[in-house]
Amino acid sequence: MAHPNEPDTTLSNTLGLEIDPAPYFPPPIPLVVVISGPSGAGKDAVIKRMKQRGVPFHFVVTATTRPPREGEVHGRDYFFVSMEAFAEMIEKDELLEYAIVYGDYKGIPKRQVRDALASGRDVILRVDVQGAATIRRLIPEAVFIFLTAESEEALTRRLWERKSESPEKLKLRVATARKEMQRVQEFDYAVVNRDGALDEAVDQILCIISAEKCRVRRREIHL
């Protein structure tokens, strides 16, 4: 039997026809997938479950000036840096995008994205809605997924159960979420992360990525 990339001379000779061994479709190019949505939608939980399931993506670790929450690990969940260190990253143009989120800075390191794409791996970015808008201008070919809870009540309850903020800050997050929900039409897909159904949300995200790999007109990332 001929090698997949070599002509099958036996078949060609039998048919009297030169048969092209090249594949109809090249291997899918790596994607940049942006997972965004309001605070409390479960972005961190979705990313964590995807890692637990061993999906072969590169998860970009965001740099932030906010202090770690209970259970968060530096370098795994976020890069927790000082204001001085973050300012230096800005000055050296090391960030793909950055923004102030509830009084703290968050940013996406450029090098992580470039190195992962160069190695042929899909890249997953976890950003807020404001950050997604910036990335959309820089990488319009990315796949944008809006993640949300099933209702404002569910979203507010999740934020309240964190017990990490005052009622005043919680009100600000709810008000911000209302504004962010109005921007869902800017995204390619919307996934509802229902209480107790985290794996269902992850499955939907993986299905979206799989479908994007099958597009006839493929997204080519230029960064």
N, C-alpha and C. Protein backbone atom coordinates (compact mmCIF):
# COMPACT_ATOMS: atom_id res chain seq x y z
N MET A 1 0.85 -1.20 0.00
CA MET A 1 0.00 0.00 0.00
C MET A 1 0.88 1.25 0.00
N ALA A 2 0.53 2.22 -0.80
CA ALA A 2 1.32 3.45 -0.90
C ALA A 2 1.20 4.27 0.37
N HIS A 3 2.27 5.03 0.64
CA HIS A 3 2.24 5.98 1.76
C HIS A 3 1.20 7.05 1.46
N PRO A 4 0.51 7.58 2.49
CA PRO A 4 -0.55 8.58 2.23
C PRO A 4 -0.12 9.76 1.37
N ASN A 5 1.16 10.12 1.44
CA ASN A 5 1.64 11.27 0.68
C ASN A 5 2.36 10.88 -0.61
N GLU A 6 2.30 9.60 -0.95
CA GLU A 6 2.94 9.14 -2.18
C GLU A 6 1.88 8.61 -3.14
N PRO A 7 2.10 8.76 -4.45
CA PRO A 7 1.12 8.27 -5.43
C PRO A 7 0.96 6.76 -5.34
N ASP A 8 -0.27 6.28 -5.47
CA ASP A 8 -0.54 4.85 -5.53
C ASP A 8 -0.39 4.42 -6.99
N THR A 9 0.83 4.00 -7.35
CA THR A 9 1.11 3.70 -8.76
C THR A 9 0.30 2.52 -9.27
N THR A 10 0.01 1.55 -8.39
CA THR A 10 -0.78 0.39 -8.82
C THR A 10 -2.17 0.83 -9.27
N LEU A 11 -2.80 1.65 -8.45
CA LEU A 11 -4.14 2.13 -8.80
C LEU A 11 -4.09 3.03 -10.03
N SER A 12 -3.07 3.89 -10.10
CA SER A 12 -2.94 4.78 -11.26
C SER A 12 -2.74 3.99 -12.54
N ASN A 13 -1.89 2.94 -12.47
CA ASN A 13 -1.64 2.13 -13.66
C ASN A 13 -2.88 1.36 -14.08
N THR A 14 -3.62 0.86 -13.10
CA THR A 14 -4.81 0.07 -13.41
C THR A 14 -5.88 0.93 -14.09
N LEU A 15 -6.02 2.16 -13.57
CA LEU A 15 -7.05 3.04 -14.12
C LEU A 15 -6.56 3.84 -15.31
N GLY A 16 -5.23 3.89 -15.49
CA GLY A 16 -4.70 4.74 -16.54
C GLY A 16 -4.93 6.20 -16.26
N LEU A 17 -4.86 6.54 -14.96
CA LEU A 17 -5.19 7.89 -14.52
C LEU A 17 -4.21 8.32 -13.43
N GLU A 18 -3.63 9.48 -13.59
CA GLU A 18 -2.73 9.99 -12.56
C GLU A 18 -3.57 10.51 -11.39
N ILE A 19 -3.35 9.93 -10.21
CA ILE A 19 -4.15 10.27 -9.04
C ILE A 19 -3.34 11.10 -8.07
N ASP A 20 -3.87 12.23 -7.71
CA ASP A 20 -3.18 13.16 -6.81
C ASP A 20 -3.29 12.68 -5.36
N PRO A 21 -2.15 12.43 -4.66
CA PRO A 21 -2.21 11.93 -3.28
C PRO A 21 -2.38 13.04 -2.24
N ALA A 22 -2.33 14.30 -2.67
CA ALA A 22 -2.41 15.39 -1.70
C ALA A 22 -3.79 15.40 -1.03
N PRO A 23 -3.85 15.72 0.27
CA PRO A 23 -5.15 15.76 0.96
C PRO A 23 -6.04 16.86 0.41
N TYR A 24 -7.34 16.62 0.43
CA TYR A 24 -8.29 17.64 -0.02
C TYR A 24 -8.21 18.88 0.87
N PHE A 25 -8.07 18.65 2.14
CA PHE A 25 -8.02 19.76 3.09
C PHE A 25 -6.75 19.66 3.94
N PRO A 26 -6.03 20.76 4.09
CA PRO A 26 -4.85 20.75 4.96
C PRO A 26 -5.27 20.63 6.42
N PRO A 27 -4.34 20.30 7.30
CA PRO A 27 -4.68 20.26 8.73
C PRO A 27 -5.21 21.60 9.19
N PRO A 28 -6.17 21.61 10.12
CA PRO A 28 -6.73 22.88 10.59
C PRO A 28 -5.67 23.75 11.25
N ILE A 29 -5.73 25.04 10.98
CA ILE A 29 -4.78 25.96 11.59
C ILE A 29 -5.19 26.23 13.03
N PRO A 30 -4.25 26.59 13.89
CA PRO A 30 -4.60 26.85 15.29
C PRO A 30 -5.53 28.05 15.43
N LEU A 31 -6.38 28.00 16.43
CA LEU A 31 -7.36 29.05 16.68
C LEU A 31 -7.00 29.85 17.93
N VAL A 32 -7.47 31.08 17.96
CA VAL A 32 -7.49 31.87 19.19
C VAL A 32 -8.95 31.92 19.61
N VAL A 33 -9.25 31.36 20.78
CA VAL A 33 -10.62 31.31 21.29
C VAL A 33 -10.71 32.21 22.51
N VAL A 34 -11.61 33.18 22.46
CA VAL A 34 -11.79 34.13 23.54
C VAL A 34 -13.05 33.77 24.31
N ILE A 35 -12.89 33.45 25.60
CA ILE A 35 -14.02 33.16 26.47
C ILE A 35 -14.23 34.37 27.37
N SER A 36 -15.38 34.99 27.25
CA SER A 36 -15.66 36.23 27.96
C SER A 36 -17.06 36.16 28.57
N GLY A 37 -17.44 37.24 29.23
CA GLY A 37 -18.75 37.31 29.85
C GLY A 37 -18.69 38.06 31.16
N PRO A 38 -19.82 38.29 31.79
CA PRO A 38 -19.85 39.07 33.02
C PRO A 38 -19.20 38.35 34.18
N SER A 39 -18.81 39.11 35.19
CA SER A 39 -18.27 38.54 36.41
C SER A 39 -19.32 37.64 37.06
N GLY A 40 -18.90 36.42 37.45
CA GLY A 40 -19.84 35.48 38.03
C GLY A 40 -20.38 34.47 37.04
N ALA A 41 -20.04 34.62 35.75
CA ALA A 41 -20.52 33.68 34.73
C ALA A 41 -19.86 32.32 34.85
N GLY A 42 -18.68 32.28 35.48
CA GLY A 42 -17.99 31.00 35.64
C GLY A 42 -16.83 30.79 34.67
N LYS A 43 -16.23 31.88 34.21
CA LYS A 43 -15.12 31.76 33.26
C LYS A 43 -13.97 30.93 33.86
N ASP A 44 -13.61 31.25 35.10
CA ASP A 44 -12.52 30.53 35.75
C ASP A 44 -12.87 29.05 35.93
N ALA A 45 -14.11 28.78 36.31
CA ALA A 45 -14.54 27.39 36.53
C ALA A 45 -14.51 26.59 35.23
N VAL A 46 -14.92 27.21 34.14
CA VAL A 46 -14.90 26.55 32.83
C VAL A 46 -13.46 26.23 32.42
N ILE A 47 -12.58 27.20 32.56
CA ILE A 47 -11.18 26.99 32.21
C ILE A 47 -10.58 25.87 33.05
N LYS A 48 -10.87 25.89 34.35
CA LYS A 48 -10.34 24.87 35.25
C LYS A 48 -10.82 23.48 34.84
N ARG A 49 -12.11 23.35 34.52
CA ARG A 49 -12.63 22.04 34.12
C ARG A 49 -12.03 21.58 32.79
N MET A 50 -11.81 22.49 31.86
CA MET A 50 -11.18 22.12 30.60
C MET A 50 -9.77 21.59 30.84
N LYS A 51 -9.05 22.21 31.75
CA LYS A 51 -7.71 21.73 32.10
C LYS A 51 -7.78 20.35 32.74
N GLN A 52 -8.76 20.14 33.63
CA GLN A 52 -8.92 18.85 34.29
C GLN A 52 -9.21 17.74 33.29
N ARG A 53 -9.90 18.10 32.23
CA ARG A 53 -10.25 17.11 31.21
C ARG A 53 -9.14 16.92 30.18
N GLY A 54 -8.06 17.67 30.34
CA GLY A 54 -6.87 17.46 29.51
C GLY A 54 -7.02 17.87 28.06
N VAL A 55 -7.84 18.87 27.79
CA VAL A 55 -7.97 19.33 26.40
C VAL A 55 -6.64 19.94 25.95
N PRO A 56 -6.23 19.67 24.70
CA PRO A 56 -4.88 20.05 24.25
C PRO A 56 -4.76 21.50 23.78
N PHE A 57 -5.12 22.43 24.62
CA PHE A 57 -5.03 23.85 24.28
C PHE A 57 -4.00 24.52 25.16
N HIS A 58 -3.58 25.69 24.71
CA HIS A 58 -2.73 26.52 25.57
C HIS A 58 -3.62 27.56 26.23
N PHE A 59 -3.69 27.52 27.55
CA PHE A 59 -4.49 28.47 28.30
C PHE A 59 -3.60 29.63 28.72
N VAL A 60 -3.85 30.79 28.17
CA VAL A 60 -3.03 31.96 28.48
C VAL A 60 -3.33 32.41 29.90
N VAL A 61 -2.28 32.60 30.66
CA VAL A 61 -2.42 33.05 32.05
C VAL A 61 -2.38 34.58 32.07
N THR A 62 -3.44 35.18 32.60
CA THR A 62 -3.57 36.62 32.66
C THR A 62 -2.73 37.20 33.79
N ALA A 63 -2.14 38.35 33.54
CA ALA A 63 -1.44 39.09 34.60
C ALA A 63 -2.42 40.05 35.25
N THR A 64 -2.36 40.16 36.57
CA THR A 64 -3.29 41.05 37.27
C THR A 64 -2.62 41.65 38.51
N THR A 65 -3.09 42.83 38.88
CA THR A 65 -2.57 43.48 40.08
C THR A 65 -3.46 43.19 41.29
N ARG A 66 -4.57 42.49 41.10
CA ARG A 66 -5.43 42.22 42.25
C ARG A 66 -4.83 41.11 43.09
N PRO A 67 -5.14 41.06 44.39
CA PRO A 67 -4.62 40.00 45.25
C PRO A 67 -5.30 38.67 44.92
N PRO A 68 -4.64 37.55 45.17
CA PRO A 68 -5.26 36.25 44.88
C PRO A 68 -6.42 35.95 45.82
N ARG A 69 -7.44 35.29 45.26
CA ARG A 69 -8.53 34.79 46.09
C ARG A 69 -8.11 33.46 46.70
N GLU A 70 -8.89 33.00 47.65
CA GLU A 70 -8.56 31.74 48.31
C GLU A 70 -8.49 30.60 47.30
N GLY A 71 -7.39 29.86 47.33
CA GLY A 71 -7.22 28.72 46.44
C GLY A 71 -6.53 29.04 45.12
N GLU A 72 -6.39 30.31 44.78
CA GLU A 72 -5.73 30.68 43.53
C GLU A 72 -4.21 30.58 43.67
N VAL A 73 -3.57 30.14 42.59
CA VAL A 73 -2.12 29.91 42.61
C VAL A 73 -1.45 30.80 41.56
N HIS A 74 -0.37 31.47 41.97
CA HIS A 74 0.40 32.32 41.05
C HIS A 74 0.99 31.47 39.92
N GLY A 75 0.81 31.92 38.68
CA GLY A 75 1.34 31.20 37.54
C GLY A 75 0.41 30.16 36.98
N ARG A 76 -0.58 29.75 37.76
CA ARG A 76 -1.57 28.78 37.28
C ARG A 76 -2.89 29.48 36.97
N ASP A 77 -3.42 30.20 37.93
CA ASP A 77 -4.69 30.92 37.74
C ASP A 77 -4.46 32.30 37.14
N TYR A 78 -3.50 33.02 37.69
CA TYR A 78 -3.10 34.35 37.23
C TYR A 78 -1.63 34.55 37.56
N PHE A 79 -1.03 35.54 36.91
CA PHE A 79 0.25 36.06 37.37
C PHE A 79 -0.08 37.27 38.24
N PHE A 80 0.09 37.13 39.54
CA PHE A 80 -0.21 38.22 40.47
C PHE A 80 1.03 39.09 40.59
N VAL A 81 0.93 40.32 40.08
CA VAL A 81 2.09 41.21 40.03
C VAL A 81 1.77 42.53 40.70
N SER A 82 2.83 43.27 41.03
CA SER A 82 2.66 44.58 41.63
C SER A 82 2.29 45.60 40.56
N MET A 83 1.83 46.77 41.01
CA MET A 83 1.53 47.85 40.07
C MET A 83 2.77 48.25 39.30
N GLU A 84 3.91 48.25 39.98
CA GLU A 84 5.17 48.63 39.33
C GLU A 84 5.54 47.64 38.23
N ALA A 85 5.39 46.36 38.52
CA ALA A 85 5.72 45.34 37.52
C ALA A 85 4.76 45.41 36.33
N PHE A 86 3.49 45.67 36.61
CA PHE A 86 2.51 45.77 35.52
C PHE A 86 2.81 46.98 34.65
N ALA A 87 3.17 48.10 35.29
CA ALA A 87 3.51 49.30 34.53
C ALA A 87 4.71 49.05 33.61
N GLU A 88 5.67 48.27 34.09
CA GLU A 88 6.84 47.94 33.27
C GLU A 88 6.44 47.10 32.07
N MET A 89 5.50 46.17 32.25
CA MET A 89 5.01 45.35 31.14
C MET A 89 4.34 46.23 30.08
N ILE A 90 3.62 47.25 30.52
CA ILE A 90 2.99 48.18 29.58
C ILE A 90 4.05 48.96 28.80
N GLU A 91 5.04 49.47 29.51
CA GLU A 91 6.09 50.27 28.88
C GLU A 91 6.88 49.46 27.85
N LYS A 92 7.07 48.18 28.11
CA LYS A 92 7.83 47.32 27.19
C LYS A 92 6.94 46.71 26.10
N ASP A 93 5.68 47.10 26.04
CA ASP A 93 4.73 46.61 25.03
C ASP A 93 4.64 45.08 25.05
N GLU A 94 4.57 44.51 26.25
CA GLU A 94 4.53 43.07 26.41
C GLU A 94 3.11 42.52 26.50
N LEU A 95 2.10 43.40 26.46
CA LEU A 95 0.73 42.96 26.65
C LEU A 95 -0.10 43.09 25.37
N LEU A 96 -0.85 42.06 25.07
CA LEU A 96 -1.75 42.11 23.92
C LEU A 96 -2.86 43.11 24.17
N GLU A 97 -3.40 43.10 25.38
CA GLU A 97 -4.39 44.08 25.81
C GLU A 97 -4.34 44.16 27.32
N TYR A 98 -4.78 45.30 27.84
CA TYR A 98 -4.88 45.44 29.29
C TYR A 98 -5.97 46.46 29.61
N ALA A 99 -6.50 46.37 30.81
CA ALA A 99 -7.57 47.27 31.21
C ALA A 99 -7.66 47.31 32.72
N ILE A 100 -8.36 48.32 33.21
CA ILE A 100 -8.65 48.40 34.64
C ILE A 100 -10.01 47.75 34.87
N VAL A 101 -10.04 46.75 35.73
CA VAL A 101 -11.27 46.02 36.01
C VAL A 101 -11.55 46.09 37.51
N TYR A 102 -12.60 46.82 37.87
CA TYR A 102 -12.96 47.01 39.27
C TYR A 102 -11.77 47.49 40.10
N GLY A 103 -11.01 48.41 39.54
CA GLY A 103 -9.92 49.04 40.27
C GLY A 103 -8.58 48.34 40.17
N ASP A 104 -8.53 47.18 39.53
CA ASP A 104 -7.28 46.44 39.36
C ASP A 104 -6.96 46.29 37.88
N TYR A 105 -5.68 46.19 37.57
CA TYR A 105 -5.25 45.99 36.19
C TYR A 105 -5.23 44.50 35.84
N LYS A 106 -5.63 44.21 34.60
CA LYS A 106 -5.51 42.86 34.05
C LYS A 106 -4.98 42.97 32.62
N GLY A 107 -4.14 42.03 32.22
CA GLY A 107 -3.59 42.08 30.87
C GLY A 107 -3.18 40.72 30.34
N ILE A 108 -3.15 40.58 29.01
CA ILE A 108 -2.79 39.33 28.34
C ILE A 108 -1.38 39.44 27.78
N PRO A 109 -0.43 38.63 28.26
CA PRO A 109 0.94 38.66 27.72
C PRO A 109 0.98 38.22 26.26
N LYS A 110 1.61 39.03 25.41
CA LYS A 110 1.68 38.73 23.97
C LYS A 110 2.44 37.44 23.68
N ARG A 111 3.56 37.28 24.36
CA ARG A 111 4.47 36.19 24.00
C ARG A 111 3.81 34.83 24.15
N GLN A 112 2.97 34.67 25.18
CA GLN A 112 2.29 33.39 25.36
C GLN A 112 1.46 33.02 24.13
N VAL A 113 0.76 34.01 23.60
CA VAL A 113 -0.11 33.76 22.46
C VAL A 113 0.72 33.41 21.22
N ARG A 114 1.73 34.20 20.95
CA ARG A 114 2.56 33.97 19.76
C ARG A 114 3.26 32.62 19.81
N ASP A 115 3.84 32.28 20.96
CA ASP A 115 4.58 31.02 21.08
C ASP A 115 3.65 29.83 20.91
N ALA A 116 2.46 29.90 21.47
CA ALA A 116 1.53 28.79 21.36
C ALA A 116 1.07 28.59 19.91
N LEU A 117 0.72 29.68 19.23
CA LEU A 117 0.29 29.58 17.83
C LEU A 117 1.42 29.05 16.95
N ALA A 118 2.65 29.50 17.22
CA ALA A 118 3.79 29.04 16.43
C ALA A 118 4.03 27.54 16.60
N SER A 119 3.65 27.01 17.76
CA SER A 119 3.82 25.58 18.01
C SER A 119 2.65 24.76 17.48
N GLY A 120 1.65 25.43 16.91
CA GLY A 120 0.50 24.74 16.35
C GLY A 120 -0.62 24.46 17.32
N ARG A 121 -0.58 25.06 18.50
CA ARG A 121 -1.60 24.81 19.52
C ARG A 121 -2.69 25.89 19.48
N ASP A 122 -3.91 25.47 19.75
CA ASP A 122 -5.00 26.43 19.91
C ASP A 122 -4.79 27.21 21.21
N VAL A 123 -5.22 28.46 21.20
CA VAL A 123 -5.02 29.34 22.35
C VAL A 123 -6.38 29.72 22.94
N ILE A 124 -6.51 29.60 24.25
CA ILE A 124 -7.72 30.00 24.96
C ILE A 124 -7.41 31.24 25.78
N LEU A 125 -8.17 32.30 25.55
CA LEU A 125 -8.02 33.54 26.31
C LEU A 125 -9.26 33.74 27.18
N ARG A 126 -9.05 34.05 28.45
CA ARG A 126 -10.14 34.34 29.38
C ARG A 126 -10.06 35.83 29.72
N VAL A 127 -11.05 36.58 29.25
CA VAL A 127 -11.02 38.03 29.46
C VAL A 127 -12.41 38.53 29.79
N ASP A 128 -12.49 39.75 30.32
CA ASP A 128 -13.80 40.36 30.54
C ASP A 128 -14.31 40.93 29.21
N VAL A 129 -15.52 41.45 29.22
CA VAL A 129 -16.14 41.92 27.98
C VAL A 129 -15.37 43.09 27.40
N GLN A 130 -14.85 43.95 28.25
CA GLN A 130 -14.05 45.08 27.78
C GLN A 130 -12.78 44.58 27.08
N GLY A 131 -12.13 43.59 27.67
CA GLY A 131 -10.93 43.03 27.05
C GLY A 131 -11.23 42.34 25.74
N ALA A 132 -12.39 41.66 25.66
CA ALA A 132 -12.77 40.99 24.42
C ALA A 132 -12.92 41.99 23.28
N ALA A 133 -13.45 43.17 23.58
CA ALA A 133 -13.61 44.20 22.55
C ALA A 133 -12.25 44.63 22.01
N THR A 134 -11.28 44.75 22.90
CA THR A 134 -9.93 45.13 22.46
C THR A 134 -9.32 44.05 21.60
N ILE A 135 -9.44 42.79 22.02
CA ILE A 135 -8.87 41.68 21.25
C ILE A 135 -9.56 41.57 19.89
N ARG A 136 -10.85 41.88 19.84
CA ARG A 136 -11.58 41.81 18.57
C ARG A 136 -10.98 42.78 17.55
N ARG A 137 -10.51 43.93 18.02
CA ARG A 137 -9.87 44.89 17.11
C ARG A 137 -8.49 44.39 16.67
N LEU A 138 -7.78 43.71 17.56
CA LEU A 138 -6.43 43.25 17.27
C LEU A 138 -6.42 41.92 16.52
N ILE A 139 -7.34 41.03 16.87
CA ILE A 139 -7.40 39.70 16.25
C ILE A 139 -8.85 39.43 15.84
N PRO A 140 -9.33 40.06 14.79
CA PRO A 140 -10.73 39.87 14.39
C PRO A 140 -11.04 38.43 13.96
N GLU A 141 -10.00 37.64 13.64
CA GLU A 141 -10.22 36.26 13.20
C GLU A 141 -10.42 35.30 14.36
N ALA A 142 -10.28 35.78 15.60
CA ALA A 142 -10.47 34.92 16.76
C ALA A 142 -11.93 34.48 16.88
N VAL A 143 -12.16 33.43 17.66
CA VAL A 143 -13.51 32.93 17.94
C VAL A 143 -13.94 33.49 19.29
N PHE A 144 -15.06 34.20 19.32
CA PHE A 144 -15.49 34.89 20.53
C PHE A 144 -16.73 34.20 21.12
N ILE A 145 -16.58 33.72 22.36
CA ILE A 145 -17.65 33.00 23.05
C ILE A 145 -18.07 33.79 24.29
N PHE A 146 -19.36 34.08 24.37
CA PHE A 146 -19.91 34.81 25.51
C PHE A 146 -20.48 33.80 26.49
N LEU A 147 -19.93 33.77 27.70
CA LEU A 147 -20.38 32.84 28.73
C LEU A 147 -21.20 33.60 29.76
N THR A 148 -22.34 33.03 30.17
CA THR A 148 -23.18 33.70 31.15
C THR A 148 -23.91 32.69 32.02
N ALA A 149 -24.41 33.15 33.15
CA ALA A 149 -25.28 32.32 33.97
C ALA A 149 -26.67 32.29 33.35
N GLU A 150 -27.57 31.48 33.93
CA GLU A 150 -28.90 31.35 33.33
C GLU A 150 -29.80 32.54 33.61
N SER A 151 -29.47 33.35 34.62
CA SER A 151 -30.31 34.50 34.95
C SER A 151 -29.50 35.48 35.79
N GLU A 152 -30.03 36.70 35.90
CA GLU A 152 -29.37 37.69 36.77
C GLU A 152 -29.38 37.23 38.22
N GLU A 153 -30.45 36.56 38.61
CA GLU A 153 -30.54 36.05 39.98
C GLU A 153 -29.42 35.05 40.26
N ALA A 154 -29.20 34.12 39.34
CA ALA A 154 -28.15 33.12 39.52
C ALA A 154 -26.78 33.79 39.54
N LEU A 155 -26.59 34.76 38.67
CA LEU A 155 -25.31 35.47 38.60
C LEU A 155 -25.04 36.20 39.92
N THR A 156 -26.04 36.91 40.42
CA THR A 156 -25.88 37.67 41.66
C THR A 156 -25.60 36.74 42.84
N ARG A 157 -26.29 35.61 42.87
CA ARG A 157 -26.08 34.65 43.96
C ARG A 157 -24.64 34.12 43.96
N ARG A 158 -24.10 33.84 42.78
CA ARG A 158 -22.72 33.36 42.71
C ARG A 158 -21.74 34.41 43.24
N LEU A 159 -21.97 35.65 42.85
CA LEU A 159 -21.09 36.73 43.32
C LEU A 159 -21.20 36.89 44.84
N TRP A 160 -22.43 36.78 45.35
CA TRP A 160 -22.65 36.94 46.79
C TRP A 160 -21.96 35.80 47.56
N GLU A 161 -22.02 34.60 47.02
CA GLU A 161 -21.44 33.44 47.72
C GLU A 161 -19.92 33.45 47.73
N ARG A 162 -19.30 34.28 46.89
CA ARG A 162 -17.84 34.42 46.97
C ARG A 162 -17.41 35.03 48.30
N LYS A 163 -18.25 35.89 48.84
CA LYS A 163 -17.97 36.58 50.11
C LYS A 163 -16.62 37.31 50.07
N SER A 164 -16.31 37.84 48.92
CA SER A 164 -15.02 38.52 48.75
C SER A 164 -15.16 40.03 48.59
N GLU A 165 -16.41 40.53 48.57
CA GLU A 165 -16.62 41.95 48.31
C GLU A 165 -17.73 42.52 49.19
N SER A 166 -17.70 43.81 49.36
CA SER A 166 -18.73 44.50 50.12
C SER A 166 -20.01 44.58 49.29
N PRO A 167 -21.16 44.82 49.94
CA PRO A 167 -22.41 44.98 49.18
C PRO A 167 -22.32 46.07 48.12
N GLU A 168 -21.55 47.14 48.40
CA GLU A 168 -21.43 48.24 47.43
C GLU A 168 -20.71 47.75 46.16
N LYS A 169 -19.62 46.99 46.35
CA LYS A 169 -18.90 46.48 45.18
C LYS A 169 -19.73 45.43 44.44
N LEU A 170 -20.51 44.68 45.19
CA LEU A 170 -21.37 43.68 44.56
C LEU A 170 -22.42 44.36 43.68
N LYS A 171 -22.98 45.46 44.17
CA LYS A 171 -23.94 46.21 43.37
C LYS A 171 -23.30 46.71 42.08
N LEU A 172 -22.04 47.14 42.17
CA LEU A 172 -21.33 47.61 40.98
C LEU A 172 -21.16 46.49 39.97
N ARG A 173 -20.84 45.29 40.45
CA ARG A 173 -20.67 44.16 39.54
C ARG A 173 -21.98 43.80 38.85
N VAL A 174 -23.08 43.85 39.58
CA VAL A 174 -24.38 43.53 38.99
C VAL A 174 -24.76 44.58 37.94
N ALA A 175 -24.51 45.86 38.27
CA ALA A 175 -24.81 46.92 37.31
C ALA A 175 -23.95 46.78 36.05
N THR A 176 -22.68 46.41 36.25
CA THR A 176 -21.78 46.20 35.10
C THR A 176 -22.23 45.01 34.26
N ALA A 177 -22.66 43.94 34.93
CA ALA A 177 -23.13 42.76 34.21
C ALA A 177 -24.33 43.09 33.33
N ARG A 178 -25.21 43.95 33.81
CA ARG A 178 -26.37 44.34 32.99
C ARG A 178 -25.93 45.03 31.71
N LYS A 179 -24.93 45.87 31.81
CA LYS A 179 -24.39 46.54 30.62
C LYS A 179 -23.71 45.54 29.68
N GLU A 180 -22.97 44.61 30.28
CA GLU A 180 -22.24 43.63 29.47
C GLU A 180 -23.18 42.69 28.74
N MET A 181 -24.30 42.32 29.36
CA MET A 181 -25.26 41.44 28.70
C MET A 181 -25.82 42.07 27.43
N GLN A 182 -25.83 43.39 27.36
CA GLN A 182 -26.33 44.08 26.18
C GLN A 182 -25.38 43.96 24.99
N ARG A 183 -24.15 43.47 25.24
CA ARG A 183 -23.14 43.39 24.17
C ARG A 183 -22.99 41.97 23.63
N VAL A 184 -23.89 41.08 23.99
CA VAL A 184 -23.75 39.69 23.57
C VAL A 184 -23.75 39.56 22.04
N GLN A 185 -24.43 40.47 21.33
CA GLN A 185 -24.49 40.39 19.86
C GLN A 185 -23.13 40.63 19.20
N GLU A 186 -22.17 41.12 19.96
CA GLU A 186 -20.83 41.33 19.42
C GLU A 186 -20.05 40.02 19.32
N PHE A 187 -20.57 38.94 19.90
CA PHE A 187 -19.86 37.67 19.97
C PHE A 187 -20.35 36.70 18.91
N ASP A 188 -19.53 35.68 18.66
CA ASP A 188 -19.90 34.65 17.68
C ASP A 188 -20.86 33.63 18.27
N TYR A 189 -20.68 33.32 19.54
CA TYR A 189 -21.48 32.29 20.19
C TYR A 189 -21.81 32.72 21.63
N ALA A 190 -22.90 32.16 22.16
CA ALA A 190 -23.26 32.36 23.56
C ALA A 190 -23.47 31.00 24.20
N VAL A 191 -22.88 30.81 25.38
CA VAL A 191 -23.00 29.55 26.12
C VAL A 191 -23.52 29.87 27.52
N VAL A 192 -24.58 29.18 27.95
CA VAL A 192 -25.14 29.38 29.28
C VAL A 192 -24.53 28.35 30.23
N ASN A 193 -23.86 28.85 31.25
CA ASN A 193 -23.25 28.00 32.27
C ASN A 193 -24.22 27.89 33.44
N ARG A 194 -25.13 26.92 33.37
CA ARG A 194 -26.17 26.77 34.39
C ARG A 194 -25.60 26.17 35.68
N ASP A 195 -26.20 26.51 36.79
CA ASP A 195 -25.79 25.95 38.08
C ASP A 195 -25.87 24.43 38.02
N GLY A 196 -24.79 23.77 38.42
CA GLY A 196 -24.76 22.32 38.44
C GLY A 196 -24.56 21.67 37.09
N ALA A 197 -24.29 22.45 36.06
CA ALA A 197 -24.14 21.89 34.70
C ALA A 197 -22.86 22.40 34.04
N LEU A 198 -21.78 22.44 34.81
CA LEU A 198 -20.52 22.96 34.30
C LEU A 198 -20.01 22.15 33.11
N ASP A 199 -20.11 20.83 33.21
CA ASP A 199 -19.60 19.99 32.11
C ASP A 199 -20.40 20.19 30.83
N GLU A 200 -21.67 20.51 30.97
CA GLU A 200 -22.49 20.79 29.78
C GLU A 200 -21.98 22.05 29.07
N ALA A 201 -21.62 23.07 29.85
CA ALA A 201 -21.08 24.30 29.25
C ALA A 201 -19.74 24.02 28.58
N VAL A 202 -18.90 23.23 29.23
CA VAL A 202 -17.60 22.87 28.64
C VAL A 202 -17.81 22.09 27.35
N ASP A 203 -18.74 21.14 27.35
CA ASP A 203 -19.01 20.36 26.14
C ASP A 203 -19.44 21.26 24.99
N GLN A 204 -20.27 22.25 25.28
CA GLN A 204 -20.71 23.16 24.23
C GLN A 204 -19.53 23.96 23.66
N ILE A 205 -18.64 24.41 24.52
CA ILE A 205 -17.47 25.16 24.06
C ILE A 205 -16.59 24.27 23.18
N LEU A 206 -16.39 23.02 23.58
CA LEU A 206 -15.57 22.10 22.78
C LEU A 206 -16.23 21.81 21.44
N CYS A 207 -17.57 21.75 21.41
CA CYS A 207 -18.28 21.54 20.15
C CYS A 207 -18.10 22.74 19.22
N ILE A 208 -18.12 23.94 19.79
CA ILE A 208 -17.91 25.15 18.99
C ILE A 208 -16.52 25.12 18.36
N ILE A 209 -15.51 24.77 19.15
CA ILE A 209 -14.15 24.72 18.63
C ILE A 209 -14.03 23.67 17.54
N SER A 210 -14.65 22.50 17.77
CA SER A 210 -14.62 21.44 16.76
C SER A 210 -15.27 21.89 15.46
N ALA A 211 -16.40 22.59 15.57
CA ALA A 211 -17.09 23.08 14.37
C ALA A 211 -16.25 24.10 13.63
N GLU A 212 -15.56 24.97 14.39
CA GLU A 212 -14.70 25.98 13.75
C GLU A 212 -13.57 25.33 12.97
N LYS A 213 -13.10 24.17 13.42
CA LYS A 213 -12.04 23.45 12.72
C LYS A 213 -12.53 22.91 11.37
N CYS A 214 -13.85 22.79 11.23
CA CYS A 214 -14.43 22.24 10.01
C CYS A 214 -14.92 23.31 9.05
N ARG A 215 -14.69 24.56 9.36
CA ARG A 215 -15.15 25.64 8.49
C ARG A 215 -14.51 25.53 7.11
N VAL A 216 -15.28 25.81 6.07
CA VAL A 216 -14.73 25.84 4.71
C VAL A 216 -13.83 27.05 4.56
N ARG A 217 -14.32 28.21 5.03
CA ARG A 217 -13.49 29.41 5.03
C ARG A 217 -12.86 29.54 6.40
N ARG A 218 -11.63 29.15 6.50
CA ARG A 218 -10.98 29.06 7.80
C ARG A 218 -10.47 30.42 8.29
N ARG A 219 -10.43 30.53 9.59
CA ARG A 219 -9.92 31.75 10.22
C ARG A 219 -8.41 31.68 10.27
N GLU A 220 -7.73 32.64 9.68
CA GLU A 220 -6.27 32.70 9.72
C GLU A 220 -5.85 33.81 10.65
N ILE A 221 -5.13 33.45 11.70
CA ILE A 221 -4.75 34.39 12.73
C ILE A 221 -3.49 35.15 12.31
N HIS A 222 -3.55 36.45 12.39
CA HIS A 222 -2.37 37.30 12.12
C HIS A 222 -2.12 38.13 13.38
N LEU A 223 -0.96 37.88 13.98
CA LEU A 223 -0.66 38.55 15.25
C LEU A 223 0.75 39.11 15.22
